[in-house]
Amino acid sequence: MPSSEGLSFTNDELALMSLFHGITGENPLACKIIEDYVYFIITEEALYRIMADPVIRGELRRRIGGRFTRSRVLRVLSSILTENIGSPTYVAVYYDDPIEFLKTFFGLDSSARVELRNSGGRTVVNIYVSPEKKGIVIGRSGIRARAGRFFGKALYNIDQINIR
C-alpha cells in the first residue's frame, strides 16, 4: 500500500472521494483533480468488490455486453462516474510494482517497454511507445502524462517519467 506522505487532498477531492464511495461502496486510495479531469486510484481488491456488487454488475453487463476484462470494466466505471460527477473521470488500479501501475495507468500493451532506473539518488522511468500511440499515452494537452507523473511521485517516489 502506498504511504500517504506524498498525498494530500483538497476539500473538492475529499468530496469526490465521498461521492465515489457513495456510488461504488468502496473508498479510493487517492483522488486528484488536474484541470477539469478527475483521477481515482483504487486497489485491485476494491475493483473486484465493485464488480461483485449486483447493482453495478448489472450496469456493467448492460454497458459492456460481452466479456468483462479489467480495461473494459475500468472504462465503463469511469464513464458511470463521469455521468455522476459531471467532469471527465479516469479510474486506475494501484499495484505494488510501479512498472505495472504505469503500464495500466497509461493503457500500455505488451509492445511498450518501461524501464525503471535509480541513479544518483533519483528514480527515473523511461516509457517507450510506438509513435502512433504516443499521443494517447500523453493525453490531450499532456494531462494524462501530468497525472501519471503526479501519481508516480506521490505513490512510488519516482522523480521523473520520460515518454519516448
N, C-alpha and C. Protein backbone atom coordinates (compact mmCIF):
# COMPACT_ATOMS: atom_id res chain seq x y z
N MET A 1 0.84 -1.19 0.00
CA MET A 1 0.00 0.00 0.00
C MET A 1 0.88 1.24 0.00
N PRO A 2 0.42 2.27 -0.67
CA PRO A 2 1.22 3.49 -0.73
C PRO A 2 1.21 4.21 0.61
N SER A 3 2.29 4.93 0.85
CA SER A 3 2.29 5.77 2.04
C SER A 3 1.54 7.05 1.70
N SER A 4 0.92 7.63 2.70
CA SER A 4 0.13 8.83 2.45
C SER A 4 0.95 10.10 2.54
N GLU A 5 2.27 9.97 2.71
CA GLU A 5 3.09 11.17 2.86
C GLU A 5 3.14 12.00 1.59
N GLY A 6 3.01 11.40 0.41
CA GLY A 6 3.05 12.14 -0.84
C GLY A 6 1.70 12.61 -1.30
N LEU A 7 0.66 12.26 -0.56
CA LEU A 7 -0.69 12.60 -0.98
C LEU A 7 -1.34 13.55 0.02
N SER A 8 -1.93 14.59 -0.50
CA SER A 8 -2.79 15.45 0.30
C SER A 8 -3.98 15.79 -0.59
N PHE A 9 -5.12 16.00 0.04
CA PHE A 9 -6.35 16.17 -0.72
C PHE A 9 -7.00 17.51 -0.40
N THR A 10 -7.55 18.13 -1.43
CA THR A 10 -8.32 19.36 -1.24
C THR A 10 -9.72 18.98 -0.78
N ASN A 11 -10.50 19.96 -0.37
CA ASN A 11 -11.88 19.70 0.04
C ASN A 11 -12.69 19.12 -1.12
N ASP A 12 -12.46 19.64 -2.33
CA ASP A 12 -13.17 19.11 -3.51
C ASP A 12 -12.82 17.65 -3.75
N GLU A 13 -11.54 17.31 -3.61
CA GLU A 13 -11.11 15.92 -3.82
C GLU A 13 -11.70 15.00 -2.76
N LEU A 14 -11.76 15.47 -1.51
CA LEU A 14 -12.38 14.67 -0.46
C LEU A 14 -13.87 14.47 -0.73
N ALA A 15 -14.54 15.50 -1.23
CA ALA A 15 -15.96 15.38 -1.57
C ALA A 15 -16.14 14.37 -2.70
N LEU A 16 -15.24 14.39 -3.69
CA LEU A 16 -15.32 13.44 -4.79
C LEU A 16 -15.05 12.01 -4.32
N MET A 17 -14.14 11.86 -3.37
CA MET A 17 -13.86 10.53 -2.80
C MET A 17 -15.10 10.00 -2.08
N SER A 18 -15.80 10.89 -1.40
CA SER A 18 -17.04 10.52 -0.72
C SER A 18 -18.11 10.12 -1.75
N LEU A 19 -18.20 10.86 -2.84
CA LEU A 19 -19.15 10.53 -3.90
C LEU A 19 -18.80 9.19 -4.54
N PHE A 20 -17.52 8.94 -4.76
CA PHE A 20 -17.06 7.65 -5.30
C PHE A 20 -17.53 6.52 -4.39
N HIS A 21 -17.35 6.71 -3.08
CA HIS A 21 -17.79 5.70 -2.12
C HIS A 21 -19.31 5.51 -2.17
N GLY A 22 -20.03 6.61 -2.32
CA GLY A 22 -21.48 6.52 -2.40
C GLY A 22 -21.96 5.76 -3.62
N ILE A 23 -21.25 5.87 -4.72
CA ILE A 23 -21.64 5.20 -5.97
C ILE A 23 -21.21 3.74 -5.98
N THR A 24 -19.97 3.49 -5.53
CA THR A 24 -19.40 2.15 -5.65
C THR A 24 -19.40 1.34 -4.37
N GLY A 25 -19.49 2.00 -3.23
CA GLY A 25 -19.38 1.31 -1.95
C GLY A 25 -17.95 1.06 -1.53
N GLU A 26 -16.99 1.57 -2.29
CA GLU A 26 -15.57 1.39 -1.99
C GLU A 26 -14.89 2.74 -1.84
N ASN A 27 -13.86 2.78 -0.98
CA ASN A 27 -13.08 4.00 -0.81
C ASN A 27 -11.88 3.98 -1.76
N PRO A 28 -11.68 5.04 -2.53
CA PRO A 28 -10.48 5.09 -3.37
C PRO A 28 -9.25 5.37 -2.52
N LEU A 29 -8.09 4.93 -2.99
CA LEU A 29 -6.84 5.24 -2.30
C LEU A 29 -6.49 6.70 -2.47
N ALA A 30 -6.77 7.22 -3.67
CA ALA A 30 -6.38 8.59 -3.97
C ALA A 30 -7.34 9.19 -4.98
N CYS A 31 -7.37 10.51 -4.97
CA CYS A 31 -8.15 11.27 -5.93
C CYS A 31 -7.37 12.53 -6.24
N LYS A 32 -7.33 12.90 -7.50
CA LYS A 32 -6.63 14.12 -7.88
C LYS A 32 -7.41 14.79 -9.00
N ILE A 33 -7.61 16.09 -8.86
CA ILE A 33 -8.23 16.88 -9.92
C ILE A 33 -7.10 17.60 -10.64
N ILE A 34 -6.98 17.35 -11.92
CA ILE A 34 -5.98 18.02 -12.75
C ILE A 34 -6.75 18.69 -13.88
N GLU A 35 -6.71 20.02 -13.87
CA GLU A 35 -7.56 20.84 -14.73
C GLU A 35 -9.00 20.42 -14.48
N ASP A 36 -9.73 19.94 -15.47
CA ASP A 36 -11.11 19.52 -15.25
C ASP A 36 -11.26 18.02 -15.16
N TYR A 37 -10.16 17.29 -15.15
CA TYR A 37 -10.20 15.83 -15.12
C TYR A 37 -10.06 15.33 -13.69
N VAL A 38 -10.81 14.28 -13.37
CA VAL A 38 -10.76 13.68 -12.04
C VAL A 38 -10.15 12.29 -12.17
N TYR A 39 -9.12 12.01 -11.38
CA TYR A 39 -8.45 10.72 -11.39
C TYR A 39 -8.65 10.04 -10.04
N PHE A 40 -9.08 8.78 -10.07
CA PHE A 40 -9.22 7.97 -8.88
C PHE A 40 -8.27 6.79 -8.97
N ILE A 41 -7.64 6.44 -7.86
CA ILE A 41 -6.82 5.24 -7.77
C ILE A 41 -7.49 4.32 -6.77
N ILE A 42 -7.71 3.06 -7.18
CA ILE A 42 -8.33 2.07 -6.29
C ILE A 42 -7.45 0.83 -6.23
N THR A 43 -7.68 0.00 -5.22
CA THR A 43 -6.94 -1.26 -5.13
C THR A 43 -7.59 -2.29 -6.04
N GLU A 44 -6.84 -3.32 -6.34
CA GLU A 44 -7.37 -4.41 -7.17
C GLU A 44 -8.51 -5.11 -6.44
N GLU A 45 -8.38 -5.27 -5.12
CA GLU A 45 -9.43 -5.90 -4.33
C GLU A 45 -10.71 -5.07 -4.39
N ALA A 46 -10.58 -3.74 -4.32
CA ALA A 46 -11.76 -2.87 -4.40
C ALA A 46 -12.43 -3.01 -5.77
N LEU A 47 -11.63 -3.14 -6.83
CA LEU A 47 -12.19 -3.34 -8.16
C LEU A 47 -13.02 -4.61 -8.21
N TYR A 48 -12.51 -5.69 -7.64
CA TYR A 48 -13.26 -6.96 -7.65
C TYR A 48 -14.53 -6.86 -6.81
N ARG A 49 -14.47 -6.13 -5.69
CA ARG A 49 -15.69 -5.96 -4.88
C ARG A 49 -16.72 -5.10 -5.62
N ILE A 50 -16.25 -4.10 -6.35
CA ILE A 50 -17.15 -3.27 -7.15
C ILE A 50 -17.81 -4.13 -8.23
N MET A 51 -17.03 -4.99 -8.87
CA MET A 51 -17.57 -5.86 -9.92
C MET A 51 -18.55 -6.88 -9.36
N ALA A 52 -18.42 -7.23 -8.07
CA ALA A 52 -19.30 -8.21 -7.45
C ALA A 52 -20.61 -7.60 -6.97
N ASP A 53 -20.66 -6.28 -6.84
CA ASP A 53 -21.88 -5.61 -6.40
C ASP A 53 -22.98 -5.85 -7.44
N PRO A 54 -24.14 -6.37 -7.03
CA PRO A 54 -25.17 -6.73 -8.02
C PRO A 54 -25.68 -5.55 -8.85
N VAL A 55 -25.82 -4.39 -8.24
CA VAL A 55 -26.33 -3.23 -8.98
C VAL A 55 -25.30 -2.77 -10.02
N ILE A 56 -24.07 -2.61 -9.58
CA ILE A 56 -23.03 -2.16 -10.50
C ILE A 56 -22.75 -3.23 -11.55
N ARG A 57 -22.76 -4.49 -11.13
CA ARG A 57 -22.53 -5.58 -12.08
C ARG A 57 -23.58 -5.57 -13.19
N GLY A 58 -24.84 -5.32 -12.84
CA GLY A 58 -25.89 -5.25 -13.85
C GLY A 58 -25.66 -4.11 -14.82
N GLU A 59 -25.24 -2.96 -14.29
CA GLU A 59 -24.95 -1.80 -15.15
C GLU A 59 -23.74 -2.09 -16.04
N LEU A 60 -22.71 -2.73 -15.47
CA LEU A 60 -21.54 -3.09 -16.27
C LEU A 60 -21.92 -4.06 -17.37
N ARG A 61 -22.72 -5.06 -17.04
CA ARG A 61 -23.14 -6.05 -18.03
C ARG A 61 -23.93 -5.38 -19.15
N ARG A 62 -24.80 -4.44 -18.79
CA ARG A 62 -25.61 -3.74 -19.78
C ARG A 62 -24.72 -2.91 -20.72
N ARG A 63 -23.71 -2.26 -20.16
CA ARG A 63 -22.87 -1.37 -20.97
C ARG A 63 -21.77 -2.11 -21.73
N ILE A 64 -21.22 -3.15 -21.13
CA ILE A 64 -20.13 -3.88 -21.79
C ILE A 64 -20.70 -4.87 -22.80
N GLY A 65 -21.70 -5.62 -22.39
CA GLY A 65 -22.35 -6.54 -23.30
C GLY A 65 -21.63 -7.84 -23.52
N GLY A 66 -20.35 -7.88 -23.33
CA GLY A 66 -19.59 -9.10 -23.57
C GLY A 66 -18.80 -9.50 -22.35
N ARG A 67 -17.62 -9.98 -22.62
CA ARG A 67 -16.74 -10.45 -21.57
C ARG A 67 -16.21 -9.30 -20.72
N PHE A 68 -16.14 -9.50 -19.42
CA PHE A 68 -15.59 -8.49 -18.52
C PHE A 68 -14.06 -8.59 -18.52
N THR A 69 -13.40 -7.61 -19.06
CA THR A 69 -11.95 -7.51 -18.91
C THR A 69 -11.69 -6.31 -18.00
N ARG A 70 -10.55 -6.31 -17.37
CA ARG A 70 -10.23 -5.23 -16.43
C ARG A 70 -10.30 -3.88 -17.12
N SER A 71 -9.74 -3.77 -18.32
CA SER A 71 -9.74 -2.47 -19.00
C SER A 71 -11.15 -2.03 -19.37
N ARG A 72 -12.00 -2.97 -19.79
CA ARG A 72 -13.39 -2.62 -20.11
C ARG A 72 -14.14 -2.16 -18.87
N VAL A 73 -13.96 -2.88 -17.77
CA VAL A 73 -14.65 -2.53 -16.53
C VAL A 73 -14.21 -1.15 -16.05
N LEU A 74 -12.90 -0.88 -16.10
CA LEU A 74 -12.40 0.44 -15.67
C LEU A 74 -12.93 1.54 -16.58
N ARG A 75 -13.00 1.28 -17.88
CA ARG A 75 -13.52 2.26 -18.82
C ARG A 75 -14.99 2.58 -18.55
N VAL A 76 -15.79 1.54 -18.32
CA VAL A 76 -17.22 1.74 -18.06
C VAL A 76 -17.42 2.38 -16.68
N LEU A 77 -16.65 1.95 -15.70
CA LEU A 77 -16.73 2.57 -14.37
C LEU A 77 -16.39 4.05 -14.45
N SER A 78 -15.37 4.38 -15.23
CA SER A 78 -15.02 5.80 -15.45
C SER A 78 -16.17 6.54 -16.10
N SER A 79 -16.85 5.89 -17.05
CA SER A 79 -17.99 6.50 -17.73
C SER A 79 -19.14 6.75 -16.77
N ILE A 80 -19.43 5.78 -15.91
CA ILE A 80 -20.50 5.93 -14.92
C ILE A 80 -20.18 7.10 -13.98
N LEU A 81 -18.95 7.17 -13.53
CA LEU A 81 -18.54 8.26 -12.63
C LEU A 81 -18.57 9.60 -13.34
N THR A 82 -18.19 9.64 -14.60
CA THR A 82 -18.23 10.88 -15.38
C THR A 82 -19.66 11.41 -15.44
N GLU A 83 -20.62 10.52 -15.67
CA GLU A 83 -22.02 10.93 -15.72
C GLU A 83 -22.50 11.50 -14.39
N ASN A 84 -22.05 10.91 -13.28
CA ASN A 84 -22.49 11.35 -11.96
C ASN A 84 -21.75 12.57 -11.46
N ILE A 85 -20.49 12.71 -11.82
CA ILE A 85 -19.68 13.83 -11.33
C ILE A 85 -19.83 15.05 -12.24
N GLY A 86 -19.95 14.81 -13.54
CA GLY A 86 -20.07 15.91 -14.48
C GLY A 86 -18.74 16.38 -15.04
N SER A 87 -17.67 15.72 -14.68
CA SER A 87 -16.34 16.02 -15.22
C SER A 87 -15.74 14.72 -15.75
N PRO A 88 -14.88 14.81 -16.76
CA PRO A 88 -14.23 13.59 -17.24
C PRO A 88 -13.49 12.90 -16.09
N THR A 89 -13.73 11.60 -15.94
CA THR A 89 -13.19 10.84 -14.82
C THR A 89 -12.42 9.64 -15.33
N TYR A 90 -11.32 9.32 -14.65
CA TYR A 90 -10.48 8.19 -15.02
C TYR A 90 -10.20 7.40 -13.75
N VAL A 91 -10.43 6.08 -13.80
CA VAL A 91 -10.17 5.20 -12.66
C VAL A 91 -9.01 4.28 -13.03
N ALA A 92 -8.02 4.18 -12.14
CA ALA A 92 -6.87 3.31 -12.35
C ALA A 92 -6.69 2.42 -11.12
N VAL A 93 -6.03 1.29 -11.33
CA VAL A 93 -5.79 0.33 -10.26
C VAL A 93 -4.37 0.48 -9.74
N TYR A 94 -4.24 0.49 -8.41
CA TYR A 94 -2.93 0.56 -7.76
C TYR A 94 -2.30 -0.83 -7.72
N TYR A 95 -1.00 -0.89 -8.02
CA TYR A 95 -0.20 -2.11 -7.89
C TYR A 95 1.03 -1.78 -7.07
N ASP A 96 1.55 -2.77 -6.36
CA ASP A 96 2.77 -2.56 -5.59
C ASP A 96 3.96 -2.27 -6.50
N ASP A 97 3.94 -2.85 -7.69
CA ASP A 97 5.01 -2.66 -8.67
C ASP A 97 4.75 -1.39 -9.48
N PRO A 98 5.66 -0.41 -9.41
CA PRO A 98 5.43 0.84 -10.14
C PRO A 98 5.35 0.66 -11.66
N ILE A 99 6.09 -0.28 -12.21
CA ILE A 99 6.06 -0.51 -13.65
C ILE A 99 4.68 -1.02 -14.06
N GLU A 100 4.13 -1.95 -13.30
CA GLU A 100 2.80 -2.48 -13.59
C GLU A 100 1.75 -1.38 -13.48
N PHE A 101 1.87 -0.53 -12.45
CA PHE A 101 0.93 0.58 -12.29
C PHE A 101 1.00 1.51 -13.49
N LEU A 102 2.20 1.91 -13.90
CA LEU A 102 2.34 2.84 -15.02
C LEU A 102 1.84 2.23 -16.33
N LYS A 103 2.10 0.94 -16.53
CA LYS A 103 1.60 0.28 -17.74
C LYS A 103 0.08 0.33 -17.81
N THR A 104 -0.58 0.04 -16.69
CA THR A 104 -2.04 0.06 -16.71
C THR A 104 -2.58 1.48 -16.70
N PHE A 105 -1.92 2.39 -16.00
CA PHE A 105 -2.39 3.78 -15.95
C PHE A 105 -2.39 4.40 -17.35
N PHE A 106 -1.31 4.16 -18.09
CA PHE A 106 -1.20 4.73 -19.43
C PHE A 106 -1.83 3.85 -20.51
N GLY A 107 -2.38 2.71 -20.13
CA GLY A 107 -3.03 1.83 -21.10
C GLY A 107 -2.06 1.22 -22.09
N LEU A 108 -0.88 0.86 -21.61
CA LEU A 108 0.15 0.31 -22.49
C LEU A 108 -0.08 -1.17 -22.73
N ASP A 109 0.26 -1.61 -23.94
CA ASP A 109 0.16 -3.03 -24.25
C ASP A 109 1.53 -3.67 -24.12
N SER A 110 1.62 -4.92 -24.50
CA SER A 110 2.87 -5.66 -24.32
C SER A 110 4.00 -5.15 -25.21
N SER A 111 3.69 -4.41 -26.26
CA SER A 111 4.75 -3.91 -27.14
C SER A 111 5.49 -2.71 -26.54
N ALA A 112 4.91 -2.09 -25.54
CA ALA A 112 5.55 -0.94 -24.89
C ALA A 112 6.60 -1.44 -23.90
N ARG A 113 7.67 -0.68 -23.78
CA ARG A 113 8.75 -1.04 -22.87
C ARG A 113 8.84 0.03 -21.78
N VAL A 114 8.91 -0.40 -20.53
CA VAL A 114 9.03 0.52 -19.41
C VAL A 114 10.26 0.13 -18.61
N GLU A 115 11.15 1.09 -18.43
CA GLU A 115 12.39 0.85 -17.68
C GLU A 115 12.43 1.75 -16.46
N LEU A 116 12.81 1.19 -15.33
CA LEU A 116 12.96 1.96 -14.09
C LEU A 116 14.43 1.94 -13.72
N ARG A 117 15.00 3.13 -13.53
CA ARG A 117 16.42 3.22 -13.17
C ARG A 117 16.59 4.12 -11.96
N ASN A 118 17.49 3.69 -11.09
CA ASN A 118 17.89 4.51 -9.95
C ASN A 118 19.31 4.96 -10.19
N SER A 119 19.51 6.27 -10.24
CA SER A 119 20.87 6.78 -10.44
C SER A 119 21.02 8.10 -9.68
N GLY A 120 22.06 8.18 -8.91
CA GLY A 120 22.34 9.40 -8.17
C GLY A 120 21.25 9.76 -7.18
N GLY A 121 20.60 8.76 -6.61
CA GLY A 121 19.54 9.03 -5.65
C GLY A 121 18.21 9.43 -6.27
N ARG A 122 18.13 9.39 -7.60
CA ARG A 122 16.90 9.74 -8.30
C ARG A 122 16.33 8.49 -8.97
N THR A 123 15.02 8.39 -8.98
CA THR A 123 14.34 7.30 -9.67
C THR A 123 13.75 7.86 -10.95
N VAL A 124 14.17 7.27 -12.07
CA VAL A 124 13.73 7.73 -13.39
C VAL A 124 13.08 6.57 -14.12
N VAL A 125 11.93 6.83 -14.73
CA VAL A 125 11.23 5.83 -15.52
C VAL A 125 11.20 6.32 -16.97
N ASN A 126 11.60 5.44 -17.87
CA ASN A 126 11.50 5.71 -19.30
C ASN A 126 10.44 4.79 -19.88
N ILE A 127 9.47 5.39 -20.57
CA ILE A 127 8.41 4.63 -21.21
C ILE A 127 8.59 4.78 -22.72
N TYR A 128 8.79 3.65 -23.39
CA TYR A 128 8.98 3.65 -24.84
C TYR A 128 7.72 3.12 -25.50
N VAL A 129 7.09 3.96 -26.32
CA VAL A 129 5.87 3.56 -27.03
C VAL A 129 6.05 3.87 -28.51
N SER A 130 5.23 3.21 -29.32
CA SER A 130 5.28 3.47 -30.76
C SER A 130 4.76 4.89 -31.02
N PRO A 131 5.24 5.53 -32.08
CA PRO A 131 4.82 6.90 -32.37
C PRO A 131 3.30 7.05 -32.52
N GLU A 132 2.63 6.01 -33.01
CA GLU A 132 1.18 6.09 -33.19
C GLU A 132 0.45 6.18 -31.85
N LYS A 133 1.02 5.60 -30.81
CA LYS A 133 0.35 5.56 -29.51
C LYS A 133 0.85 6.63 -28.54
N LYS A 134 1.84 7.38 -28.96
CA LYS A 134 2.42 8.37 -28.05
C LYS A 134 1.41 9.44 -27.64
N GLY A 135 0.58 9.88 -28.57
CA GLY A 135 -0.44 10.89 -28.26
C GLY A 135 -1.46 10.38 -27.27
N ILE A 136 -1.82 9.11 -27.36
CA ILE A 136 -2.78 8.52 -26.42
C ILE A 136 -2.18 8.46 -25.03
N VAL A 137 -0.91 8.08 -24.95
CA VAL A 137 -0.24 7.98 -23.65
C VAL A 137 -0.10 9.35 -23.01
N ILE A 138 0.26 10.35 -23.77
CA ILE A 138 0.46 11.70 -23.23
C ILE A 138 -0.87 12.35 -22.88
N GLY A 139 -1.88 12.12 -23.69
CA GLY A 139 -3.21 12.69 -23.43
C GLY A 139 -3.33 14.09 -23.99
N ARG A 140 -4.58 14.55 -24.06
CA ARG A 140 -4.87 15.88 -24.59
C ARG A 140 -4.19 16.93 -23.72
N SER A 141 -3.39 17.77 -24.34
CA SER A 141 -2.63 18.84 -23.67
C SER A 141 -1.70 18.30 -22.59
N GLY A 142 -1.34 17.02 -22.66
CA GLY A 142 -0.41 16.44 -21.70
C GLY A 142 -1.01 16.13 -20.34
N ILE A 143 -2.34 16.13 -20.25
CA ILE A 143 -3.00 15.94 -18.95
C ILE A 143 -2.72 14.54 -18.38
N ARG A 144 -2.82 13.52 -19.21
CA ARG A 144 -2.59 12.16 -18.72
C ARG A 144 -1.15 11.97 -18.27
N ALA A 145 -0.21 12.56 -19.00
CA ALA A 145 1.20 12.48 -18.61
C ALA A 145 1.41 13.19 -17.27
N ARG A 146 0.79 14.36 -17.08
CA ARG A 146 0.91 15.08 -15.81
C ARG A 146 0.34 14.27 -14.66
N ALA A 147 -0.81 13.64 -14.89
CA ALA A 147 -1.43 12.82 -13.85
C ALA A 147 -0.54 11.61 -13.52
N GLY A 148 0.00 10.97 -14.54
CA GLY A 148 0.90 9.83 -14.32
C GLY A 148 2.13 10.24 -13.54
N ARG A 149 2.69 11.39 -13.87
CA ARG A 149 3.85 11.89 -13.13
C ARG A 149 3.50 12.20 -11.68
N PHE A 150 2.32 12.81 -11.48
CA PHE A 150 1.89 13.13 -10.11
C PHE A 150 1.77 11.85 -9.28
N PHE A 151 1.04 10.84 -9.81
CA PHE A 151 0.85 9.61 -9.05
C PHE A 151 2.14 8.82 -8.93
N GLY A 152 3.01 8.88 -9.94
CA GLY A 152 4.31 8.22 -9.83
C GLY A 152 5.13 8.79 -8.69
N LYS A 153 5.11 10.10 -8.54
CA LYS A 153 5.84 10.75 -7.46
C LYS A 153 5.17 10.48 -6.11
N ALA A 154 3.85 10.63 -6.06
CA ALA A 154 3.13 10.50 -4.79
C ALA A 154 3.10 9.07 -4.26
N LEU A 155 2.94 8.09 -5.15
CA LEU A 155 2.78 6.71 -4.70
C LEU A 155 4.08 5.92 -4.66
N TYR A 156 5.03 6.26 -5.55
CA TYR A 156 6.25 5.44 -5.67
C TYR A 156 7.54 6.25 -5.55
N ASN A 157 7.43 7.53 -5.30
CA ASN A 157 8.59 8.41 -5.18
C ASN A 157 9.45 8.39 -6.45
N ILE A 158 8.81 8.39 -7.60
CA ILE A 158 9.50 8.45 -8.89
C ILE A 158 9.75 9.92 -9.21
N ASP A 159 11.00 10.27 -9.44
CA ASP A 159 11.37 11.66 -9.66
C ASP A 159 11.06 12.16 -11.07
N GLN A 160 11.16 11.27 -12.04
CA GLN A 160 10.98 11.71 -13.43
C GLN A 160 10.41 10.57 -14.26
N ILE A 161 9.45 10.90 -15.13
CA ILE A 161 8.89 9.93 -16.07
C ILE A 161 9.05 10.52 -17.46
N ASN A 162 9.78 9.81 -18.30
CA ASN A 162 10.00 10.24 -19.68
C ASN A 162 9.19 9.33 -20.61
N ILE A 163 8.46 9.96 -21.51
CA ILE A 163 7.69 9.20 -22.50
C ILE A 163 8.34 9.41 -23.84
N ARG A 164 8.85 8.34 -24.42
CA ARG A 164 9.61 8.45 -25.67
C ARG A 164 8.99 7.61 -26.76
